[in-house]
Structure formats: structure tokens, C-alpha cells
Protein backbone atom coordinates (compact mmCIF):
# COMPACT_ATOMS: atom_id res chain seq x y z
CA MET A 1 68.11 -35.15 -49.94
CA THR A 2 69.62 -36.96 -46.96
CA PRO A 3 67.00 -38.17 -44.46
CA ILE A 4 67.15 -37.42 -40.75
CA GLU A 5 68.45 -40.57 -39.07
CA SER A 6 68.36 -39.60 -35.41
CA VAL A 7 65.92 -37.49 -33.41
CA VAL A 8 66.92 -36.57 -29.86
CA ILE A 9 64.31 -35.21 -27.45
CA VAL A 10 65.86 -33.34 -24.53
CA GLY A 11 63.59 -33.47 -21.49
CA GLY A 12 60.56 -35.53 -20.57
CA GLY A 13 57.40 -34.29 -18.91
CA THR A 14 54.27 -33.66 -20.92
CA ALA A 15 56.03 -31.99 -23.86
CA GLY A 16 58.81 -34.55 -24.16
CA TRP A 17 56.61 -37.61 -24.01
CA MET A 18 53.95 -36.11 -26.29
CA ALA A 19 56.73 -35.56 -28.83
CA ALA A 20 58.16 -39.02 -28.26
CA ALA A 21 54.81 -40.81 -28.59
CA ALA A 22 53.98 -38.89 -31.76
CA ALA A 23 57.43 -39.49 -33.22
CA ALA A 24 57.14 -43.22 -32.52
CA ARG A 25 53.83 -43.25 -34.34
CA PHE A 26 54.71 -41.15 -37.38
CA LEU A 27 58.50 -40.85 -37.75
CA ASP A 28 59.72 -44.37 -37.09
CA ASP A 29 60.43 -45.74 -40.55
CA GLY A 30 62.43 -48.69 -39.25
CA HIS A 31 65.74 -46.85 -39.63
CA ARG A 32 65.30 -43.56 -37.79
CA ARG A 33 66.30 -43.58 -34.12
CA ILE A 34 64.22 -41.68 -31.59
CA THR A 35 65.86 -41.04 -28.24
CA LEU A 36 64.61 -39.14 -25.19
CA VAL A 37 67.04 -37.90 -22.55
CA GLU A 38 65.73 -36.97 -19.12
CA SER A 39 66.77 -37.03 -15.49
CA ASP A 40 64.57 -38.21 -12.65
CA ALA A 41 66.44 -35.71 -10.49
CA ILE A 42 64.92 -32.79 -12.42
CA GLY A 43 61.27 -32.22 -11.63
CA THR A 44 58.65 -31.15 -14.16
CA VAL A 45 56.24 -28.26 -13.77
CA GLY A 46 53.14 -30.40 -14.19
CA VAL A 47 50.54 -27.81 -13.16
CA GLY A 48 48.67 -27.72 -16.46
CA GLU A 49 45.94 -30.32 -16.17
CA ALA A 50 43.13 -28.86 -18.27
CA THR A 51 42.84 -29.09 -22.04
CA ILE A 52 40.72 -27.94 -24.98
CA PRO A 53 38.91 -30.09 -27.58
CA PRO A 54 41.78 -30.53 -30.10
CA ILE A 55 43.42 -32.92 -27.59
CA LEU A 56 40.86 -35.51 -28.72
CA GLY A 57 42.30 -35.39 -32.23
CA PHE A 58 45.86 -35.77 -30.96
CA ASN A 59 44.98 -38.83 -28.87
CA ARG A 60 43.01 -40.28 -31.77
CA LEU A 61 45.98 -39.91 -34.13
CA LEU A 62 48.11 -41.82 -31.65
CA GLY A 63 45.53 -44.62 -31.56
CA ILE A 64 44.73 -44.03 -27.89
CA ASP A 65 41.55 -45.59 -26.54
CA GLU A 66 39.64 -42.90 -24.67
CA ALA A 67 38.39 -45.08 -21.80
CA GLU A 68 41.90 -46.44 -21.15
CA PHE A 69 43.37 -42.93 -21.26
CA VAL A 70 40.78 -41.55 -18.83
CA ARG A 71 41.29 -44.42 -16.38
CA GLU A 72 45.09 -44.25 -16.51
CA THR A 73 45.35 -40.47 -16.05
CA GLY A 74 42.59 -39.92 -13.48
CA ALA A 75 40.85 -37.80 -16.09
CA THR A 76 37.43 -36.23 -16.07
CA PHE A 77 35.50 -34.58 -18.88
CA LYS A 78 35.54 -30.84 -19.48
CA LEU A 79 32.77 -28.88 -21.19
CA GLY A 80 34.24 -25.41 -20.77
CA ILE A 81 35.39 -22.85 -18.21
CA GLU A 82 33.39 -20.93 -15.64
CA PHE A 83 34.73 -17.41 -15.00
CA VAL A 84 33.93 -15.86 -11.63
CA ASP A 85 34.42 -12.16 -10.75
CA TRP A 86 36.16 -11.24 -14.01
CA GLY A 87 33.96 -8.58 -15.58
CA GLY A 88 33.01 -7.30 -12.16
CA ARG A 89 32.84 -8.65 -8.62
CA GLY A 90 29.84 -10.89 -8.10
CA GLU A 91 29.54 -11.70 -11.82
CA ARG A 92 30.10 -15.01 -13.54
CA TYR A 93 29.85 -16.38 -17.05
CA PHE A 94 30.59 -19.61 -18.87
CA HIS A 95 32.84 -20.18 -21.90
CA PRO A 96 31.45 -23.40 -23.40
CA PHE A 97 33.05 -25.64 -25.97
CA GLY A 98 31.22 -25.99 -29.27
CA GLU A 99 28.70 -23.83 -31.05
CA HIS A 100 25.99 -21.46 -29.89
CA GLY A 101 22.66 -22.55 -31.36
CA ARG A 102 22.29 -22.99 -35.09
CA ASP A 103 22.87 -20.32 -37.69
CA PHE A 104 19.91 -18.98 -39.67
CA GLN A 105 20.33 -18.21 -43.38
CA GLY A 106 24.11 -18.16 -43.04
CA VAL A 107 24.11 -15.51 -40.31
CA ALA A 108 25.77 -16.40 -37.00
CA PHE A 109 23.30 -17.40 -34.29
CA HIS A 110 24.63 -14.90 -31.77
CA GLN A 111 23.57 -12.07 -34.08
CA TYR A 112 19.92 -13.13 -33.71
CA TRP A 113 20.41 -13.46 -29.99
CA LEU A 114 21.78 -9.90 -29.83
CA LYS A 115 18.62 -8.58 -31.45
CA HIS A 116 16.12 -10.64 -29.46
CA ARG A 117 17.90 -11.20 -26.14
CA HIS A 118 15.36 -9.16 -24.19
CA ALA A 119 12.34 -10.97 -25.60
CA ALA A 120 10.37 -13.48 -23.55
CA ARG A 121 11.70 -17.07 -23.37
CA ILE A 122 15.05 -16.15 -24.97
CA GLY A 123 17.38 -16.30 -21.94
CA VAL A 124 21.16 -15.98 -21.81
CA LEU A 125 23.47 -16.98 -24.65
CA SER A 126 24.92 -19.98 -22.79
CA ASP A 127 21.42 -21.53 -22.78
CA TYR A 128 22.04 -22.24 -26.48
CA ALA A 129 25.33 -24.09 -26.05
CA MET A 130 24.87 -27.80 -25.38
CA ALA A 131 28.13 -27.88 -23.43
CA GLY A 132 27.08 -24.90 -21.32
CA VAL A 133 23.64 -26.32 -20.48
CA ALA A 134 25.08 -29.74 -19.62
CA ALA A 135 27.84 -28.20 -17.50
CA ALA A 136 25.32 -26.15 -15.51
CA ALA A 137 23.43 -29.38 -14.77
CA GLY A 138 26.64 -31.27 -13.87
CA ARG A 139 26.05 -33.80 -16.63
CA PHE A 140 28.04 -35.43 -19.42
CA ALA A 141 27.54 -37.79 -22.36
CA PRO A 142 29.46 -38.15 -25.63
CA PRO A 143 28.25 -36.15 -28.64
CA ALA A 144 25.51 -37.67 -30.79
CA THR A 145 26.21 -38.66 -34.39
CA ASP A 146 22.82 -37.43 -35.68
CA PRO A 147 23.46 -33.82 -36.76
CA ARG A 148 19.83 -32.94 -36.01
CA ALA A 149 20.17 -33.82 -32.32
CA PRO A 150 21.13 -31.11 -29.80
CA LEU A 151 23.77 -33.46 -28.41
CA SER A 152 25.58 -33.43 -31.75
CA GLN A 153 26.73 -29.89 -30.94
CA LEU A 154 28.45 -30.85 -27.71
CA ALA A 155 32.24 -30.53 -27.70
CA TYR A 156 34.49 -31.55 -24.84
CA ALA A 157 38.05 -31.92 -23.62
CA TYR A 158 39.63 -33.37 -20.48
CA HIS A 159 41.07 -32.58 -17.10
CA PHE A 160 43.89 -34.98 -16.31
CA ASP A 161 46.93 -35.50 -14.14
CA ALA A 162 49.81 -34.22 -16.29
CA GLY A 163 52.32 -36.51 -14.59
CA LEU A 164 50.17 -39.56 -15.22
CA TYR A 165 49.63 -38.46 -18.83
CA ALA A 166 53.38 -38.24 -19.38
CA ALA A 167 53.84 -41.69 -17.83
CA PHE A 168 51.02 -43.09 -19.98
CA LEU A 169 52.63 -41.71 -23.14
CA ARG A 170 56.05 -42.94 -22.02
CA ARG A 171 54.80 -46.52 -21.80
CA ARG A 172 53.37 -46.29 -25.29
CA ALA A 173 56.45 -44.61 -26.76
CA GLU A 174 58.91 -47.07 -25.27
CA ALA A 175 56.75 -49.99 -26.41
CA GLN A 176 56.99 -48.56 -29.94
CA GLY A 177 60.77 -48.27 -29.89
CA VAL A 178 61.66 -44.93 -28.32
CA VAL A 179 64.85 -45.26 -26.26
CA ARG A 180 64.90 -43.37 -22.96
CA ILE A 181 68.28 -42.41 -21.52
CA GLU A 182 68.42 -41.45 -17.86
CA GLY A 183 70.95 -38.77 -17.02
CA ARG A 184 71.56 -35.13 -16.34
CA ILE A 185 73.01 -33.10 -19.20
CA SER A 186 76.25 -31.32 -18.36
CA GLY A 187 77.18 -29.93 -21.76
CA VAL A 188 76.16 -29.39 -25.35
CA GLU A 189 78.41 -29.86 -28.36
CA THR A 190 77.94 -27.57 -31.36
CA ASP A 191 79.58 -27.39 -34.75
CA ALA A 192 82.11 -24.54 -34.83
CA GLN A 193 81.11 -23.44 -38.33
CA THR A 194 77.34 -23.94 -38.51
CA GLY A 195 76.40 -23.71 -34.83
CA PHE A 196 74.28 -26.84 -35.21
CA VAL A 197 73.93 -28.99 -32.11
CA GLY A 198 75.79 -32.25 -32.56
CA ALA A 199 75.33 -33.95 -29.24
CA VAL A 200 74.39 -33.50 -25.61
CA VAL A 201 76.88 -34.73 -23.01
CA LEU A 202 75.78 -36.32 -19.75
CA GLU A 203 77.45 -35.93 -16.38
CA ASP A 204 78.92 -39.43 -16.62
CA GLY A 205 80.54 -38.58 -19.96
CA ARG A 206 78.10 -40.31 -22.29
CA ARG A 207 77.35 -38.51 -25.57
CA VAL A 208 73.93 -38.59 -27.19
CA ALA A 209 74.36 -37.48 -30.79
CA GLY A 210 71.57 -36.62 -33.19
CA ASP A 211 70.56 -34.91 -36.40
CA LEU A 212 67.43 -33.14 -35.11
CA PHE A 213 67.03 -32.04 -31.50
CA ILE A 214 63.69 -31.27 -29.87
CA ASP A 215 64.15 -29.05 -26.83
CA CYS A 216 61.65 -29.93 -24.09
CA SER A 217 63.88 -28.75 -21.24
CA GLY A 218 61.28 -26.44 -19.70
CA PHE A 219 61.82 -22.80 -18.80
CA ARG A 220 65.58 -23.33 -18.93
CA SER A 221 65.41 -23.79 -22.72
CA LEU A 222 68.78 -25.53 -22.62
CA LEU A 223 69.30 -25.89 -26.36
CA LEU A 224 67.30 -23.12 -28.04
CA GLY A 225 67.82 -20.44 -25.41
CA GLU A 226 71.07 -21.19 -23.59
CA THR A 227 73.06 -22.90 -26.33
CA LEU A 228 71.83 -21.22 -29.52
CA GLY A 229 71.11 -17.90 -27.85
CA VAL A 230 67.64 -17.36 -29.31
CA GLY A 231 66.09 -14.37 -27.56
CA TYR A 232 62.79 -14.11 -25.75
CA ARG A 233 59.88 -11.77 -26.49
CA ASP A 234 58.67 -10.55 -23.12
CA TRP A 235 54.90 -10.01 -23.03
CA SER A 236 54.66 -9.22 -19.31
CA HIS A 237 53.53 -5.64 -20.02
CA TRP A 238 50.33 -7.21 -21.37
CA LEU A 239 50.29 -10.26 -19.10
CA PRO A 240 51.74 -9.09 -15.77
CA CYS A 241 51.12 -12.31 -13.84
CA ASP A 242 54.53 -13.90 -13.30
CA ARG A 243 54.05 -16.36 -10.44
CA ALA A 244 51.90 -19.33 -9.56
CA VAL A 245 51.46 -21.51 -6.51
CA ALA A 246 49.67 -24.85 -6.76
CA VAL A 247 48.31 -27.35 -4.25
CA PRO A 248 46.26 -30.54 -4.73
CA ALA A 249 43.20 -31.16 -2.60
CA ALA A 250 40.61 -33.86 -2.06
CA ARG A 251 38.26 -34.88 -4.88
CA ALA A 252 35.39 -32.49 -5.52
CA ALA A 253 31.87 -33.66 -4.81
CA PRO A 254 29.80 -33.41 -6.89
CA LEU A 255 32.30 -33.81 -9.72
CA PRO A 256 31.90 -30.78 -12.04
CA PRO A 257 32.51 -31.21 -15.79
CA PHE A 258 34.24 -27.86 -16.14
CA THR A 259 37.22 -25.80 -15.02
CA ARG A 260 36.65 -22.78 -12.78
CA ALA A 261 38.79 -19.62 -12.96
CA THR A 262 38.08 -17.15 -10.15
CA ALA A 263 39.53 -13.64 -10.33
CA GLN A 264 41.38 -12.60 -7.17
CA ALA A 265 42.91 -9.34 -5.96
CA ALA A 266 46.15 -9.74 -7.94
CA GLY A 267 45.45 -12.55 -10.38
CA TRP A 268 43.19 -15.59 -10.56
CA GLN A 269 42.67 -19.01 -9.04
CA TRP A 270 42.03 -22.27 -10.86
CA ARG A 271 40.06 -25.32 -9.81
CA ILE A 272 40.49 -28.46 -11.90
CA PRO A 273 38.49 -31.56 -10.85
CA LEU A 274 40.15 -34.95 -11.39
CA GLN A 275 38.92 -38.38 -10.37
CA HIS A 276 41.39 -38.72 -7.51
CA ARG A 277 41.97 -35.12 -6.47
CA THR A 278 41.28 -31.48 -7.27
CA GLY A 279 43.99 -29.27 -8.73
CA ASN A 280 44.09 -25.78 -7.22
CA GLY A 281 46.39 -22.91 -8.02
CA LEU A 282 46.78 -19.17 -7.84
CA VAL A 283 48.31 -17.23 -10.75
CA TYR A 284 49.38 -13.75 -9.65
CA ALA A 285 51.54 -10.71 -10.29
CA SER A 286 54.45 -10.48 -7.87
CA ALA A 287 54.41 -6.69 -8.24
CA HIS A 288 51.08 -6.71 -6.40
CA LEU A 289 51.26 -9.77 -4.13
CA SER A 290 54.12 -11.41 -2.26
CA ASP A 291 54.85 -15.11 -2.64
CA ASP A 292 54.06 -15.84 1.01
CA ALA A 293 50.78 -13.94 0.87
CA ALA A 294 49.80 -15.77 -2.30
CA GLU A 295 50.52 -19.15 -0.75
CA ASP A 296 48.62 -18.26 2.41
CA ALA A 297 45.62 -17.07 0.39
CA LEU A 298 45.53 -20.23 -1.71
CA VAL A 299 45.87 -22.66 1.19
CA ALA A 300 43.26 -20.80 3.24
CA GLY A 301 40.71 -21.28 0.48
CA VAL A 302 41.36 -24.97 -0.18
CA ASP A 303 39.66 -27.77 1.71
CA ALA A 304 41.77 -30.79 2.67
CA PRO A 305 45.07 -30.07 0.87
CA LEU A 306 46.95 -33.26 0.01
CA ALA A 307 50.51 -31.92 -0.31
CA ALA A 308 52.67 -28.90 0.35
CA PRO A 309 52.20 -25.97 -2.08
CA ARG A 310 54.55 -25.72 -5.06
CA ARG A 311 55.77 -22.37 -6.37
CA LEU A 312 56.49 -21.44 -9.96
CA SER A 313 57.98 -18.34 -11.59
CA PHE A 314 57.61 -17.42 -15.24
CA THR A 315 57.63 -14.59 -17.75
CA ALA A 316 54.85 -14.55 -20.32
CA GLY A 317 56.20 -14.55 -23.84
CA VAL A 318 57.72 -16.59 -26.64
CA ARG A 319 61.15 -17.20 -28.15
CA GLU A 320 62.10 -15.09 -31.16
CA ARG A 321 62.21 -18.34 -33.09
CA LEU A 322 60.84 -21.73 -32.11
CA TRP A 323 63.08 -23.48 -34.64
CA ASP A 324 66.70 -22.43 -35.05
CA ARG A 325 69.28 -24.44 -36.99
CA ASN A 326 68.59 -28.09 -36.04
CA VAL A 327 66.73 -27.39 -32.77
CA VAL A 328 62.97 -27.11 -32.32
CA ALA A 329 61.56 -26.06 -28.94
CA LEU A 330 58.28 -27.39 -27.56
CA GLY A 331 56.41 -26.47 -24.42
CA LEU A 332 57.99 -24.16 -21.87
CA ALA A 333 61.31 -24.19 -23.73
CA GLY A 334 59.64 -22.19 -26.49
CA GLY A 335 57.29 -19.91 -24.61
CA PHE A 336 54.66 -19.61 -21.93
CA ILE A 337 51.24 -18.04 -21.65
CA GLU A 338 49.36 -18.46 -18.41
CA PRO A 339 46.87 -21.35 -18.53
CA LEU A 340 43.70 -19.26 -18.22
CA GLU A 341 42.18 -20.90 -21.30
CA SER A 342 44.03 -24.22 -20.96
CA THR A 343 46.20 -23.71 -24.03
CA SER A 344 49.61 -24.97 -22.86
CA ILE A 345 49.18 -28.57 -23.95
CA HIS A 346 47.52 -27.47 -27.18
CA LEU A 347 50.54 -25.34 -28.12
CA ILE A 348 52.73 -28.41 -27.65
CA GLN A 349 50.38 -30.43 -29.83
CA THR A 350 50.39 -27.71 -32.50
CA GLY A 351 54.18 -27.51 -32.46
CA ILE A 352 54.42 -31.26 -33.00
CA SER A 353 51.91 -31.35 -35.85
CA LYS A 354 53.53 -28.45 -37.70
CA LEU A 355 56.98 -29.95 -37.25
CA PHE A 356 55.81 -33.22 -38.78
CA TRP A 357 54.17 -31.33 -41.65
CA LEU A 358 57.45 -29.48 -42.31
CA PHE A 359 59.75 -32.32 -41.25
CA PRO A 360 63.25 -31.59 -42.60
CA ASP A 361 66.05 -33.57 -44.06
CA LYS A 362 69.68 -33.01 -43.06
CA GLY A 363 69.80 -29.94 -45.28
CA PHE A 364 67.41 -28.10 -42.92
CA SER A 365 65.79 -25.88 -45.51
CA ALA A 366 65.48 -22.25 -44.44
CA VAL A 367 62.03 -21.93 -45.97
CA GLU A 368 60.72 -24.82 -43.88
CA ARG A 369 62.19 -23.31 -40.73
CA ASP A 370 60.84 -19.85 -41.55
CA THR A 371 57.36 -21.21 -42.27
CA TYR A 372 57.32 -23.12 -38.99
CA ASN A 373 58.42 -20.07 -37.04
CA ARG A 374 55.82 -17.84 -38.66
CA LEU A 375 52.99 -20.28 -38.03
CA MET A 376 53.98 -21.00 -34.43
CA THR A 377 54.55 -17.34 -33.56
CA GLU A 378 51.08 -16.60 -34.91
CA GLN A 379 49.65 -19.32 -32.70
CA PHE A 380 51.24 -17.81 -29.62
CA GLU A 381 50.02 -14.34 -30.61
CA TYR A 382 46.45 -15.55 -31.15
CA VAL A 383 46.44 -17.14 -27.70
CA ARG A 384 48.08 -14.06 -26.18
CA ASP A 385 45.37 -11.77 -27.51
CA PHE A 386 42.59 -14.02 -26.25
CA ILE A 387 44.09 -14.12 -22.75
CA VAL A 388 44.76 -10.37 -22.66
CA LEU A 389 41.09 -9.84 -23.54
CA HIS A 390 40.03 -11.32 -20.20
CA TYR A 391 42.07 -8.72 -18.33
CA LYS A 392 41.48 -5.68 -20.50
CA ALA A 393 37.71 -6.11 -20.69
CA THR A 394 37.07 -5.70 -16.98
CA ARG A 395 35.19 -3.04 -15.09
CA ARG A 396 37.00 -3.86 -11.87
CA ASP A 397 38.99 -1.08 -10.23
CA ASP A 398 39.06 -2.37 -6.66
CA THR A 399 42.81 -3.17 -6.57
CA PRO A 400 45.96 -1.75 -8.19
CA PHE A 401 46.30 -4.92 -10.27
CA TRP A 402 42.87 -4.61 -11.85
CA ARG A 403 43.31 -0.90 -12.42
CA TYR A 404 46.56 -1.60 -14.26
CA VAL A 405 45.18 -4.26 -16.62
CA ARG A 406 42.00 -2.28 -17.22
CA ASN A 407 43.95 0.76 -18.37
CA MET A 408 46.97 -0.85 -20.05
CA ALA A 409 47.73 -0.54 -23.75
CA ILE A 410 46.99 -3.73 -25.69
CA PRO A 411 48.20 -5.23 -28.99
CA ASP A 412 46.75 -3.50 -32.05
CA SER A 413 45.39 -6.84 -33.26
CA LEU A 414 43.25 -7.19 -30.13
CA ALA A 415 42.23 -3.53 -30.06
CA HIS A 416 40.87 -3.85 -33.60
CA LYS A 417 38.98 -7.05 -32.74
CA ILE A 418 37.33 -5.41 -29.72
CA ALA A 419 36.39 -2.30 -31.72
CA LEU A 420 34.82 -4.40 -34.46
CA PHE A 421 32.81 -6.41 -31.94
CA ARG A 422 31.58 -3.29 -30.16
CA GLU A 423 30.08 -2.04 -33.41
CA LYS A 424 27.81 -4.92 -34.50
CA GLY A 425 29.00 -8.02 -32.69
CA ARG A 426 31.22 -9.19 -35.52
CA VAL A 427 34.36 -11.25 -34.89
CA MET A 428 37.37 -11.06 -37.18
CA ARG A 429 38.97 -14.49 -37.07
CA PHE A 430 42.01 -15.57 -39.01
CA ASP A 431 42.22 -19.01 -40.60
CA HIS A 432 44.68 -20.41 -38.07
CA ASP A 433 43.24 -18.68 -35.00
CA LEU A 434 42.85 -21.33 -32.29
CA PHE A 435 39.66 -19.84 -30.88
CA ALA A 436 36.56 -19.92 -33.05
CA VAL A 437 33.88 -17.22 -33.21
CA PRO A 438 31.74 -18.72 -30.40
CA SER A 439 34.69 -18.52 -27.99
CA TRP A 440 35.36 -14.85 -28.75
CA VAL A 441 31.65 -14.10 -28.44
CA ALA A 442 31.32 -15.93 -25.11
CA VAL A 443 34.24 -14.08 -23.53
CA MET A 444 33.49 -10.63 -24.96
CA LEU A 445 29.86 -10.75 -23.87
CA GLY A 446 30.79 -12.43 -20.60
CA GLN A 447 33.26 -9.67 -19.82
CA GLY A 448 30.65 -7.02 -20.52
CA ILE A 449 31.59 -5.84 -24.02
CA ALA A 450 28.16 -4.96 -25.37
CA PRO A 451 27.81 -4.37 -29.13
CA GLN A 452 26.01 -1.20 -30.14
CA GLY A 453 24.05 -3.09 -32.76
CA TYR A 454 23.83 -6.34 -34.70
CA ASP A 455 24.29 -7.59 -38.24
CA PRO A 456 21.65 -5.82 -40.42
CA LEU A 457 21.04 -9.11 -42.28
CA VAL A 458 19.16 -10.29 -39.18
CA ASP A 459 16.34 -7.91 -40.05
CA ALA A 460 15.57 -9.89 -43.20
CA MET A 461 14.07 -12.67 -41.06
CA ASP A 462 10.60 -12.64 -39.50
CA ASP A 463 11.05 -11.72 -35.83
CA ALA A 464 8.19 -13.85 -34.52
CA ARG A 465 9.39 -16.95 -36.32
CA ILE A 466 12.97 -16.45 -35.16
CA CYS A 467 11.93 -15.96 -31.53
CA ALA A 468 9.76 -19.07 -31.66
CA ALA A 469 12.59 -21.09 -33.17
CA MET A 470 15.03 -19.83 -30.54
CA ALA A 471 12.67 -20.67 -27.68
CA GLU A 472 12.17 -24.17 -29.09
CA MET A 473 15.91 -24.57 -29.50
CA ARG A 474 16.56 -23.45 -25.93
CA ALA A 475 13.98 -25.90 -24.57
CA GLY A 476 15.56 -28.68 -26.61
CA TYR A 477 18.99 -28.13 -25.08
CA ALA A 478 17.52 -28.08 -21.57
CA ALA A 479 15.57 -31.28 -22.14
CA GLN A 480 18.61 -33.02 -23.62
CA ALA A 481 20.74 -32.09 -20.61
CA LEU A 482 18.24 -33.68 -18.22
CA ARG A 483 18.45 -36.94 -20.18
CA MET A 484 22.22 -37.08 -19.74
CA PRO A 485 23.81 -38.91 -16.79
CA LEU A 486 25.52 -37.00 -14.03
CA HIS A 487 29.19 -36.47 -14.85
CA ALA A 488 30.40 -38.57 -11.90
CA ASP A 489 28.02 -41.39 -12.83
CA TYR A 490 29.21 -41.44 -16.43
CA VAL A 491 32.85 -41.61 -15.35
CA ALA A 492 32.13 -44.35 -12.79
CA ALA A 493 30.22 -46.42 -15.35
CA HIS A 494 32.60 -46.11 -18.31
CA CYS A 495 36.16 -45.20 -17.27
CA PRO A 496 36.79 -45.19 -13.48
CA MET A 497 40.34 -44.76 -12.23
CA PRO A 498 41.38 -47.95 -10.42
CA GLY A 499 41.17 -47.63 -6.66
CA VAL A 500 39.18 -44.41 -6.67
CA SER A 501 35.80 -44.53 -5.00
CA GLY A 502 32.97 -43.03 -7.04
CA GLY A 503 34.83 -43.13 -10.35
């Protein structure tokens, strides 16, 4: 076994510097060289600014102090996503992080809610999610350590400025020995026999050689796609949105601790609150809306824009392989699924963690590569199905776009999951599925998929006692939320961004 001596990361941005910071932390054995090549002349996409709870674990593994991270990236706290006009116009629901209530006798809480939801003092399902109740009140506090406390069930993530996050990670990575090389790549050298990448060549003639290359070159996919010719699985027949336009605006007041996704005539619009600004964007299908019309619609609905709109084109899908020969692709170089559930950064994080778990030597074992590709393809497919669910489970028919997604064929894996849920509210979840049962339940019910029944095991419990326990539980979440500080006040007190009024 001959160890990898040199790791070359091609491209910066969020993916590149996440990989570099992680590599500096876990791969630097004192002999291995870690190099990142990027060009300031090439911009990054940088529109994904919302995350999901696993980002806390990634930052923790890197030894990042949360308060410092929040201050340096203009971050705010995120308790979930509010969906507006998705199931039908005029409707809204909340997808909270964390659990719904507490299970009784090993049966999922939502099964009891399905049986008793029309009883007095029961309320809507989101009343039993600590994150959902706190978000509705505009409040935030860290989870409690006492498992008996309602606050112990709160889960959270962040909204942050992706450019500032990349810069924050760059400072850490370079301080830990990562070498950054500035320059635009003009060519790639490959071995004539094996096809392995040997070096990237810069416009000024410099060569950057390596053993393992991590492709973070964005949609171009310079190494995996262009050089090695790995094909792309196009999922646009299930996810027809292929454009986005983004524009920053003034800080939101009050400062909401959640992302909002509002369905529009040919797609959806995001609102992401940061300490220093609000991220706004429209994701849409170009077959149903022109670029100019999309930009006009976005700008018209945004108060106090801070910059000119930026346009982005993409095709939903994933590479046939995320690891081929000695190249591993992360981020947009490997695939893209629209950020409706804030999964882009998580897929980067997952790719990094699985690469480190299966880290190769210079022999580049086929079984390690194949395992990585299987696991990562599954991750993309799990996310794909969850996003497609939001479109398929709509009753909207007011525009050609919504009629198309409502009637389109969907992956068999998703069709089976919907059919099972319609029967008795059960969710079939695989071990590595990113989204847990509460997430599937929140979106299916929120989109109007009503089960015909519930788990028969629920009937073994005394109805009066269960209803009383649920009412007490609901009141406990509401009371806890009122004891929490307002989100803006918590940020201002604990981790304000320098120079930003009000936190």
C-alpha cells in the first residue's frame, strides 16, 4: 500500500474550501500535501445560503466555535422551512427540524395525531414540534440538555452568506497548511494508459501535480465531466426547473428564524434572512417563463434590492459516477438538485465524509470507488425523491407548470412511498435516507396527502389518556416558546455580525 502524498482541490467556493478545511483537519499527516487551485477571475454560484441540521456536526468536527462562525458569516438560526401556496393557493405549512411530539409505546407520535386530530385541544401537527412552535413565535434558543424538557427536542441549522463561509473556511485551511494557488486552468494532463489525471496546467505554464484530485469546478465539471468524460443523469423530466435568478435585499425585520419557499406560477421563490441582508431568488422552468419575465417578477416583489440580479442556469441531475479513476467530484461538479430543502451544502458535506471513510491509497481500489459511488448516488436519489414530492403532491392546476408537475410520472421509489403513506400514514425510510420520518410526514401532510387510516396499534391505548397527554404536551411547547428570546435578540446578544445594527 502506497499512501496518497498529494491532494489537489480544483476550484474554491463553498465546496472547495469545505473540502480543504476538512482535509487540513483530517488528512494532514505531516507529509501529505493539500493544494487548492482557484482563480479570482472565475466567480462562484454562491446562492445557496440555507442549511439543514447536519451542518452543526460538520462545523463541530472542524473545531469551529459556533458564535465565531455566526459572527463571521452573517449567519442567523434556522428552525425549518415555511411553504406557501404549494398544496394549493392560499395554503401554507411548516417543515420543522426535529421530532414531532414524543412516541407512545414505540408507535410514532404522528400516528396518534392522525387518530385524534379532530378532537378538542389537539391542534395542528406543527404545534407538537418545538422548532415549529418557536419559529411561529419568531424565537430561538439552543436546545436543552435535559431530555425531559420540550426544548431538548429543538433542532436547528443556519442561514449564512456562502461567500463569507468560504472565506472563513479558507482562513482556517490556510492557517492549517493548505496551499492556495491562484490561476486559471488551461489544460489537464492525463496518463495515456490509465486515464488518471496527473496534473492541471495553468495559463502561465505552471503545473500542479497530484495523486488524488477533488473536482470542485462547479457546473463545468472540468475534471470529472470534461476530462474523464463521465456522463450526466438528467432528471429534468421530474424536476423541470432549470433557471434561477437571485438578488439580495435589505435585512428583514423582524428577523425570522426560518426559510420561506413561496410557490409561483412557474416555480418558487426563496427568502433567506441573514444578519446583514436578505437573500431572495426565483427558481423557475424556462419552458414556462422567460428569463426577463422571471427577473422582473423577482425584483418587483423585493423591497430595497442591494445589487443587480444574477442569473443561473442548471439541469437537475447527477453524474453517472461521482468518483472515477483518481478524481472525486463535490458540489456542482457532481450534480445539482434545486435548493428547495437546502440540501446542496449537505451533499458536499456527505461527499467529504464518505471520501474520508473510503480514503484510498495510490492503488485506488475499485471496491472503494464503487462503494462511494453507490452511497453518493443513493444520497442524490433520496434528495431527488423528497424534492419531487413537493411538486407531485399539489392540487394546483392554475398554470401549465403546475398541471405538468401534478400529472407527471415519478420515480417508482417515490410512488411506493406515497402509496404506503396514503394507506395508514406509514413512512418507509432507508438507513441512509437524509430525511427522517418527521420530515416526510410534515411535507406529505402539508401538501395534502391524507392517509386513509392510522397504525392499528394506536387503538391499544386509552383514547382519553392519550388526548390529555397530547393537550398537555402541546401546551408545554407553547409555554416553552414564550420563554425563549426573540431570534433577533438572541443573535444580538450572543453572536452579532460586526458593524450590523440589531445583530
